[in-house]
Amino acid sequence: MNKVALAIEKSIKYWKRFKNREYNLDNLDYKFNMNYSVCMLAANIEAKAIIAYTNTGDTSRILSSFGPECPIFAITENEITYRQLGVAWNITPKLFEHQETIDKLVYLAINTLKDEGYLEKGDKVIIAGGAKVAKDLSDKEANINTVMGGIVEI
């Protein structure tokens, strides 16, 4: 059964399926639109992986719903989220100890993924999720205030 599943999995063209699906982006919230953009960027640059910083798992789950061809590595400091994401399609959760900043966590995650053989020199990786764009704005002052993405070439 495993051999059949692996053979079929390799034959599916996920990026082609992603690009052929029709999305009505007008009626959906900003999180959906931002994660759609992350997947579109990953497809366009043929990213090796998407690294999603997440505390609740929402970012990773939304990304997974688009069915990207590249793996999603959900990096979190939350053990409950780590366990929940273990059963989600195309998500490999990674649990890390608390870091001073999200940037340090992402740096640690990239190095860990390189050490584990998931990433190597020359790979392009999309970073999804992050801190607030305007750190001094409160939630009352800005309904939407989030960083969503970047590109790293290892």
N, C-alpha and C. Protein backbone atom coordinates (compact mmCIF):
# COMPACT_ATOMS: atom_id res chain seq x y z
N MET A 1 0.83 -1.19 0.00
CA MET A 1 0.00 0.00 0.00
C MET A 1 0.88 1.26 0.00
N ASN A 2 1.94 1.23 0.80
CA ASN A 2 2.85 2.38 0.87
C ASN A 2 3.50 2.66 -0.48
N LYS A 3 3.92 1.59 -1.18
CA LYS A 3 4.55 1.76 -2.50
C LYS A 3 3.59 2.41 -3.48
N VAL A 4 2.34 1.98 -3.45
CA VAL A 4 1.33 2.55 -4.35
C VAL A 4 1.13 4.03 -4.02
N ALA A 5 0.98 4.34 -2.75
CA ALA A 5 0.76 5.74 -2.34
C ALA A 5 1.94 6.62 -2.76
N LEU A 6 3.15 6.15 -2.55
CA LEU A 6 4.34 6.94 -2.93
C LEU A 6 4.42 7.13 -4.45
N ALA A 7 4.12 6.09 -5.20
CA ALA A 7 4.16 6.20 -6.67
C ALA A 7 3.12 7.18 -7.18
N ILE A 8 1.93 7.12 -6.64
CA ILE A 8 0.86 8.04 -7.07
C ILE A 8 1.21 9.47 -6.67
N GLU A 9 1.71 9.63 -5.46
CA GLU A 9 2.06 10.96 -4.96
C GLU A 9 3.06 11.65 -5.88
N LYS A 10 4.04 10.90 -6.36
CA LYS A 10 5.06 11.48 -7.24
C LYS A 10 4.49 11.87 -8.61
N SER A 11 3.42 11.22 -9.03
CA SER A 11 2.88 11.49 -10.36
C SER A 11 1.93 12.69 -10.40
N ILE A 12 1.48 13.15 -9.25
CA ILE A 12 0.53 14.27 -9.22
C ILE A 12 1.28 15.58 -9.41
N LYS A 13 0.80 16.40 -10.28
CA LYS A 13 1.40 17.71 -10.55
C LYS A 13 0.66 18.76 -9.72
N TYR A 14 1.09 18.94 -8.48
CA TYR A 14 0.37 19.81 -7.54
C TYR A 14 0.35 21.26 -7.97
N TRP A 15 1.48 21.78 -8.49
CA TRP A 15 1.48 23.19 -8.91
C TRP A 15 0.51 23.42 -10.07
N LYS A 16 0.44 22.46 -10.97
CA LYS A 16 -0.51 22.58 -12.09
C LYS A 16 -1.95 22.60 -11.56
N ARG A 17 -2.25 21.73 -10.61
CA ARG A 17 -3.58 21.72 -10.00
C ARG A 17 -3.86 23.04 -9.30
N PHE A 18 -2.86 23.57 -8.59
CA PHE A 18 -3.03 24.84 -7.88
C PHE A 18 -3.37 25.96 -8.85
N LYS A 19 -2.61 26.04 -9.94
CA LYS A 19 -2.81 27.13 -10.89
C LYS A 19 -4.10 26.98 -11.70
N ASN A 20 -4.59 25.76 -11.86
CA ASN A 20 -5.83 25.54 -12.62
C ASN A 20 -7.09 25.73 -11.80
N ARG A 21 -6.96 25.73 -10.48
CA ARG A 21 -8.15 25.95 -9.63
C ARG A 21 -8.58 27.40 -9.72
N GLU A 22 -9.85 27.62 -9.63
CA GLU A 22 -10.37 28.99 -9.64
C GLU A 22 -10.70 29.40 -8.21
N TYR A 23 -10.20 30.55 -7.82
CA TYR A 23 -10.44 31.08 -6.49
C TYR A 23 -11.18 32.41 -6.63
N ASN A 24 -12.22 32.59 -5.88
CA ASN A 24 -12.91 33.87 -5.83
C ASN A 24 -12.33 34.63 -4.64
N LEU A 25 -11.29 35.40 -4.89
CA LEU A 25 -10.56 36.06 -3.82
C LEU A 25 -11.27 37.29 -3.27
N ASP A 26 -12.29 37.77 -3.96
CA ASP A 26 -13.00 38.98 -3.52
C ASP A 26 -13.73 38.80 -2.21
N ASN A 27 -14.29 37.62 -1.99
CA ASN A 27 -15.14 37.40 -0.83
C ASN A 27 -14.41 36.78 0.35
N LEU A 28 -13.12 36.64 0.26
CA LEU A 28 -12.37 35.97 1.32
C LEU A 28 -11.53 36.97 2.10
N ASP A 29 -11.19 36.59 3.33
CA ASP A 29 -10.48 37.51 4.22
C ASP A 29 -9.01 37.66 3.82
N TYR A 30 -8.35 38.58 4.49
CA TYR A 30 -6.96 38.89 4.15
C TYR A 30 -6.03 37.71 4.40
N LYS A 31 -6.30 36.87 5.41
CA LYS A 31 -5.43 35.71 5.68
C LYS A 31 -5.44 34.75 4.49
N PHE A 32 -6.61 34.50 3.95
CA PHE A 32 -6.72 33.62 2.79
C PHE A 32 -5.94 34.22 1.62
N ASN A 33 -6.15 35.49 1.34
CA ASN A 33 -5.48 36.15 0.23
C ASN A 33 -3.97 36.18 0.39
N MET A 34 -3.50 36.43 1.60
CA MET A 34 -2.06 36.47 1.83
C MET A 34 -1.43 35.10 1.64
N ASN A 35 -2.08 34.07 2.15
CA ASN A 35 -1.54 32.72 2.00
C ASN A 35 -1.63 32.23 0.56
N TYR A 36 -2.66 32.64 -0.15
CA TYR A 36 -2.74 32.35 -1.59
C TYR A 36 -1.53 32.97 -2.29
N SER A 37 -1.20 34.19 -1.94
CA SER A 37 -0.06 34.87 -2.55
C SER A 37 1.25 34.15 -2.24
N VAL A 38 1.38 33.64 -1.02
CA VAL A 38 2.58 32.88 -0.65
C VAL A 38 2.70 31.64 -1.55
N CYS A 39 1.59 30.92 -1.73
CA CYS A 39 1.62 29.73 -2.59
C CYS A 39 1.90 30.09 -4.05
N MET A 40 1.33 31.17 -4.52
CA MET A 40 1.57 31.61 -5.89
C MET A 40 3.05 31.94 -6.08
N LEU A 41 3.63 32.64 -5.13
CA LEU A 41 5.05 32.97 -5.19
C LEU A 41 5.90 31.70 -5.16
N ALA A 42 5.55 30.76 -4.29
CA ALA A 42 6.29 29.50 -4.20
C ALA A 42 6.25 28.76 -5.54
N ALA A 43 5.10 28.75 -6.18
CA ALA A 43 4.97 28.09 -7.48
C ALA A 43 5.79 28.81 -8.54
N ASN A 44 5.73 30.13 -8.56
CA ASN A 44 6.41 30.90 -9.59
C ASN A 44 7.93 30.80 -9.52
N ILE A 45 8.47 30.69 -8.32
CA ILE A 45 9.93 30.62 -8.21
C ILE A 45 10.42 29.19 -8.00
N GLU A 46 9.48 28.23 -8.04
CA GLU A 46 9.80 26.82 -7.83
C GLU A 46 10.53 26.62 -6.50
N ALA A 47 9.90 27.10 -5.44
CA ALA A 47 10.49 27.02 -4.11
C ALA A 47 10.65 25.57 -3.66
N LYS A 48 11.71 25.33 -2.94
CA LYS A 48 11.96 24.00 -2.39
C LYS A 48 11.04 23.72 -1.20
N ALA A 49 10.67 24.79 -0.47
CA ALA A 49 9.82 24.62 0.72
C ALA A 49 9.20 25.95 1.11
N ILE A 50 8.16 25.85 1.93
CA ILE A 50 7.58 27.01 2.60
C ILE A 50 7.81 26.80 4.08
N ILE A 51 8.39 27.79 4.72
CA ILE A 51 8.59 27.74 6.17
C ILE A 51 7.59 28.71 6.77
N ALA A 52 6.67 28.17 7.57
CA ALA A 52 5.60 28.99 8.13
C ALA A 52 5.76 29.10 9.63
N TYR A 53 6.02 30.32 10.09
CA TYR A 53 6.01 30.56 11.53
C TYR A 53 4.56 30.57 11.97
N THR A 54 4.25 29.83 13.02
CA THR A 54 2.86 29.79 13.48
C THR A 54 2.80 29.50 14.97
N ASN A 55 1.89 30.17 15.62
CA ASN A 55 1.65 29.88 17.03
C ASN A 55 0.38 29.04 17.18
N THR A 56 -0.61 29.30 16.32
CA THR A 56 -1.89 28.59 16.40
C THR A 56 -2.02 27.47 15.37
N GLY A 57 -1.21 27.51 14.32
CA GLY A 57 -1.30 26.54 13.24
C GLY A 57 -2.14 27.01 12.08
N ASP A 58 -2.82 28.15 12.23
CA ASP A 58 -3.72 28.63 11.18
C ASP A 58 -3.00 28.88 9.86
N THR A 59 -1.86 29.55 9.90
CA THR A 59 -1.13 29.85 8.67
C THR A 59 -0.80 28.57 7.93
N SER A 60 -0.27 27.58 8.63
CA SER A 60 0.11 26.32 7.99
C SER A 60 -1.08 25.59 7.41
N ARG A 61 -2.19 25.57 8.14
CA ARG A 61 -3.39 24.89 7.65
C ARG A 61 -3.95 25.56 6.39
N ILE A 62 -3.96 26.89 6.38
CA ILE A 62 -4.45 27.60 5.20
C ILE A 62 -3.54 27.31 4.01
N LEU A 63 -2.23 27.37 4.22
CA LEU A 63 -1.29 27.06 3.14
C LEU A 63 -1.51 25.64 2.62
N SER A 64 -1.69 24.70 3.52
CA SER A 64 -1.91 23.31 3.14
C SER A 64 -3.18 23.15 2.30
N SER A 65 -4.19 23.96 2.57
CA SER A 65 -5.46 23.84 1.85
C SER A 65 -5.31 24.14 0.36
N PHE A 66 -4.27 24.85 -0.03
CA PHE A 66 -4.04 25.14 -1.44
C PHE A 66 -3.35 23.99 -2.17
N GLY A 67 -2.81 23.04 -1.42
CA GLY A 67 -2.18 21.88 -2.04
C GLY A 67 -0.87 22.19 -2.74
N PRO A 68 0.03 22.95 -2.11
CA PRO A 68 1.29 23.26 -2.80
C PRO A 68 2.15 22.00 -3.01
N GLU A 69 2.94 22.03 -4.04
CA GLU A 69 3.80 20.89 -4.36
C GLU A 69 4.97 20.79 -3.39
N CYS A 70 5.46 21.91 -2.90
CA CYS A 70 6.59 21.89 -1.99
C CYS A 70 6.09 21.66 -0.55
N PRO A 71 6.95 21.08 0.29
CA PRO A 71 6.53 20.84 1.67
C PRO A 71 6.39 22.14 2.46
N ILE A 72 5.55 22.08 3.47
CA ILE A 72 5.36 23.19 4.40
C ILE A 72 5.98 22.77 5.73
N PHE A 73 6.94 23.53 6.19
CA PHE A 73 7.53 23.29 7.50
C PHE A 73 6.94 24.31 8.46
N ALA A 74 6.14 23.83 9.39
CA ALA A 74 5.51 24.71 10.37
C ALA A 74 6.43 24.80 11.58
N ILE A 75 6.98 25.99 11.80
CA ILE A 75 7.86 26.17 12.95
C ILE A 75 7.08 26.86 14.05
N THR A 76 7.16 26.28 15.22
CA THR A 76 6.37 26.79 16.33
C THR A 76 7.10 26.58 17.65
N GLU A 77 6.72 27.38 18.61
CA GLU A 77 7.20 27.22 19.98
C GLU A 77 6.10 26.65 20.86
N ASN A 78 4.96 26.36 20.26
CA ASN A 78 3.78 25.90 20.96
C ASN A 78 3.64 24.38 20.79
N GLU A 79 3.79 23.64 21.88
CA GLU A 79 3.78 22.19 21.80
C GLU A 79 2.42 21.64 21.36
N ILE A 80 1.34 22.27 21.77
CA ILE A 80 0.00 21.81 21.37
C ILE A 80 -0.16 21.96 19.86
N THR A 81 0.23 23.12 19.32
CA THR A 81 0.17 23.34 17.86
C THR A 81 1.04 22.33 17.13
N TYR A 82 2.22 22.09 17.65
CA TYR A 82 3.14 21.12 17.06
C TYR A 82 2.47 19.75 16.93
N ARG A 83 1.81 19.30 17.97
CA ARG A 83 1.15 17.99 17.94
C ARG A 83 -0.04 17.98 16.98
N GLN A 84 -0.82 19.05 16.97
CA GLN A 84 -1.99 19.11 16.09
C GLN A 84 -1.58 19.08 14.62
N LEU A 85 -0.50 19.76 14.28
CA LEU A 85 -0.08 19.84 12.88
C LEU A 85 0.56 18.54 12.38
N GLY A 86 0.84 17.64 13.28
CA GLY A 86 1.44 16.36 12.89
C GLY A 86 0.54 15.51 12.01
N VAL A 87 -0.76 15.76 12.03
CA VAL A 87 -1.69 14.97 11.22
C VAL A 87 -2.20 15.74 9.99
N ALA A 88 -1.71 16.94 9.77
CA ALA A 88 -2.16 17.75 8.64
C ALA A 88 -1.38 17.38 7.38
N TRP A 89 -2.09 17.43 6.22
CA TRP A 89 -1.47 17.05 4.95
C TRP A 89 -0.36 18.03 4.55
N ASN A 90 0.76 17.49 4.14
CA ASN A 90 1.90 18.22 3.58
C ASN A 90 2.52 19.21 4.57
N ILE A 91 2.28 19.02 5.85
CA ILE A 91 2.89 19.88 6.87
C ILE A 91 3.82 19.03 7.73
N THR A 92 5.05 19.48 7.85
CA THR A 92 5.99 18.86 8.78
C THR A 92 6.23 19.86 9.89
N PRO A 93 5.65 19.61 11.07
CA PRO A 93 5.84 20.56 12.17
C PRO A 93 7.21 20.41 12.81
N LYS A 94 7.75 21.52 13.25
CA LYS A 94 9.05 21.54 13.94
C LYS A 94 8.88 22.37 15.21
N LEU A 95 9.19 21.76 16.34
CA LEU A 95 9.05 22.43 17.63
C LEU A 95 10.40 22.99 18.06
N PHE A 96 10.41 24.26 18.46
CA PHE A 96 11.63 24.92 18.91
C PHE A 96 11.40 25.57 20.26
N GLU A 97 12.49 25.73 20.99
CA GLU A 97 12.42 26.48 22.25
C GLU A 97 12.18 27.94 21.93
N HIS A 98 11.61 28.65 22.88
CA HIS A 98 11.30 30.07 22.69
C HIS A 98 12.57 30.86 22.35
N GLN A 99 12.46 31.71 21.34
CA GLN A 99 13.55 32.59 20.92
C GLN A 99 13.16 34.03 21.20
N GLU A 100 14.14 34.91 21.26
CA GLU A 100 13.88 36.33 21.55
C GLU A 100 13.02 36.99 20.48
N THR A 101 13.24 36.61 19.23
CA THR A 101 12.49 37.20 18.12
C THR A 101 12.10 36.11 17.12
N ILE A 102 11.13 36.44 16.27
CA ILE A 102 10.72 35.52 15.22
C ILE A 102 11.87 35.34 14.22
N ASP A 103 12.62 36.40 13.96
CA ASP A 103 13.76 36.31 13.05
C ASP A 103 14.77 35.27 13.52
N LYS A 104 15.04 35.25 14.82
CA LYS A 104 15.98 34.25 15.36
C LYS A 104 15.40 32.84 15.24
N LEU A 105 14.10 32.72 15.43
CA LEU A 105 13.45 31.42 15.28
C LEU A 105 13.55 30.93 13.85
N VAL A 106 13.30 31.79 12.89
CA VAL A 106 13.38 31.43 11.47
C VAL A 106 14.82 31.03 11.11
N TYR A 107 15.79 31.79 11.60
CA TYR A 107 17.20 31.47 11.36
C TYR A 107 17.54 30.08 11.91
N LEU A 108 17.10 29.81 13.13
CA LEU A 108 17.33 28.50 13.75
C LEU A 108 16.66 27.40 12.94
N ALA A 109 15.44 27.66 12.48
CA ALA A 109 14.71 26.67 11.69
C ALA A 109 15.42 26.36 10.37
N ILE A 110 15.88 27.38 9.68
CA ILE A 110 16.59 27.16 8.41
C ILE A 110 17.84 26.31 8.64
N ASN A 111 18.60 26.64 9.68
CA ASN A 111 19.80 25.86 9.97
C ASN A 111 19.47 24.42 10.35
N THR A 112 18.40 24.22 11.10
CA THR A 112 17.97 22.88 11.47
C THR A 112 17.57 22.09 10.23
N LEU A 113 16.79 22.71 9.34
CA LEU A 113 16.36 22.03 8.11
C LEU A 113 17.54 21.70 7.20
N LYS A 114 18.55 22.55 7.20
CA LYS A 114 19.77 22.23 6.44
C LYS A 114 20.48 21.04 7.07
N ASP A 115 20.63 21.06 8.39
CA ASP A 115 21.31 19.96 9.09
C ASP A 115 20.58 18.63 8.91
N GLU A 116 19.26 18.67 8.82
CA GLU A 116 18.47 17.46 8.66
C GLU A 116 18.37 17.00 7.20
N GLY A 117 18.94 17.78 6.27
CA GLY A 117 18.98 17.37 4.87
C GLY A 117 17.78 17.78 4.04
N TYR A 118 16.87 18.57 4.61
CA TYR A 118 15.71 19.04 3.84
C TYR A 118 16.09 20.16 2.87
N LEU A 119 17.06 20.98 3.26
CA LEU A 119 17.47 22.12 2.45
C LEU A 119 18.96 22.04 2.18
N GLU A 120 19.36 22.61 1.03
CA GLU A 120 20.78 22.67 0.70
C GLU A 120 21.08 23.97 -0.03
N LYS A 121 22.34 24.23 -0.22
CA LYS A 121 22.76 25.48 -0.86
C LYS A 121 22.09 25.62 -2.22
N GLY A 122 21.56 26.83 -2.47
CA GLY A 122 20.90 27.12 -3.73
C GLY A 122 19.39 26.98 -3.69
N ASP A 123 18.86 26.33 -2.66
CA ASP A 123 17.40 26.18 -2.54
C ASP A 123 16.74 27.52 -2.24
N LYS A 124 15.59 27.73 -2.85
CA LYS A 124 14.78 28.92 -2.56
C LYS A 124 13.66 28.50 -1.62
N VAL A 125 13.48 29.30 -0.58
CA VAL A 125 12.50 29.00 0.46
C VAL A 125 11.64 30.23 0.68
N ILE A 126 10.33 30.02 0.81
CA ILE A 126 9.41 31.10 1.13
C ILE A 126 9.18 31.08 2.64
N ILE A 127 9.26 32.26 3.25
CA ILE A 127 8.96 32.40 4.67
C ILE A 127 7.56 33.00 4.78
N ALA A 128 6.68 32.32 5.52
CA ALA A 128 5.31 32.80 5.70
C ALA A 128 5.05 33.02 7.18
N GLY A 129 4.37 34.10 7.48
CA GLY A 129 4.07 34.41 8.88
C GLY A 129 5.15 35.28 9.47
N GLY A 130 4.81 35.95 10.53
CA GLY A 130 5.81 36.79 11.16
C GLY A 130 5.19 37.78 12.11
N ALA A 131 5.96 38.78 12.39
CA ALA A 131 5.56 39.79 13.38
C ALA A 131 4.63 40.82 12.75
N LYS A 132 4.36 41.84 13.52
CA LYS A 132 3.53 42.94 13.02
C LYS A 132 4.37 43.84 12.10
N VAL A 133 3.72 44.39 11.10
CA VAL A 133 4.39 45.33 10.19
C VAL A 133 4.74 46.60 10.95
N ALA A 134 3.76 47.17 11.62
CA ALA A 134 3.96 48.38 12.43
C ALA A 134 3.85 47.98 13.90
N LYS A 135 4.99 47.76 14.52
CA LYS A 135 5.02 47.21 15.88
C LYS A 135 4.35 48.10 16.91
N ASP A 136 4.33 49.39 16.71
CA ASP A 136 3.78 50.30 17.70
C ASP A 136 2.26 50.44 17.64
N LEU A 137 1.64 49.97 16.55
CA LEU A 137 0.19 50.05 16.43
C LEU A 137 -0.48 48.97 17.28
N SER A 138 -1.48 49.34 18.03
CA SER A 138 -2.22 48.35 18.81
C SER A 138 -3.25 47.67 17.92
N ASP A 139 -3.84 46.59 18.42
CA ASP A 139 -4.88 45.89 17.66
C ASP A 139 -6.10 46.77 17.44
N LYS A 140 -6.32 47.71 18.33
CA LYS A 140 -7.46 48.63 18.17
C LYS A 140 -7.20 49.64 17.06
N GLU A 141 -5.94 49.98 16.85
CA GLU A 141 -5.60 50.98 15.84
C GLU A 141 -5.51 50.39 14.43
N ALA A 142 -5.21 49.09 14.34
CA ALA A 142 -5.05 48.46 13.03
C ALA A 142 -5.65 47.06 13.05
N ASN A 143 -6.70 46.85 12.29
CA ASN A 143 -7.31 45.52 12.20
C ASN A 143 -6.37 44.51 11.56
N ILE A 144 -5.66 44.95 10.53
CA ILE A 144 -4.72 44.07 9.84
C ILE A 144 -3.34 44.67 10.00
N ASN A 145 -2.43 43.89 10.60
CA ASN A 145 -1.08 44.37 10.87
C ASN A 145 -0.16 43.17 11.00
N THR A 146 0.16 42.56 9.87
CA THR A 146 0.98 41.35 9.92
C THR A 146 1.94 41.28 8.74
N VAL A 147 3.10 40.74 9.00
CA VAL A 147 4.07 40.45 7.95
C VAL A 147 3.72 39.09 7.39
N MET A 148 3.77 38.94 6.09
CA MET A 148 3.42 37.66 5.52
C MET A 148 4.35 37.33 4.37
N GLY A 149 5.55 36.93 4.69
CA GLY A 149 6.36 36.36 3.64
C GLY A 149 7.68 37.05 3.34
N GLY A 150 8.46 36.30 2.67
CA GLY A 150 9.77 36.71 2.22
C GLY A 150 10.38 35.53 1.48
N ILE A 151 11.50 35.78 0.81
CA ILE A 151 12.19 34.74 0.07
C ILE A 151 13.61 34.65 0.59
N VAL A 152 14.08 33.42 0.78
CA VAL A 152 15.46 33.19 1.19
C VAL A 152 16.06 32.19 0.21
N GLU A 153 17.23 32.51 -0.30
CA GLU A 153 17.97 31.50 -1.07
C GLU A 153 19.12 31.03 -0.20
N ILE A 154 19.13 29.76 0.05
CA ILE A 154 20.12 29.16 0.97
C ILE A 154 21.50 29.19 0.33
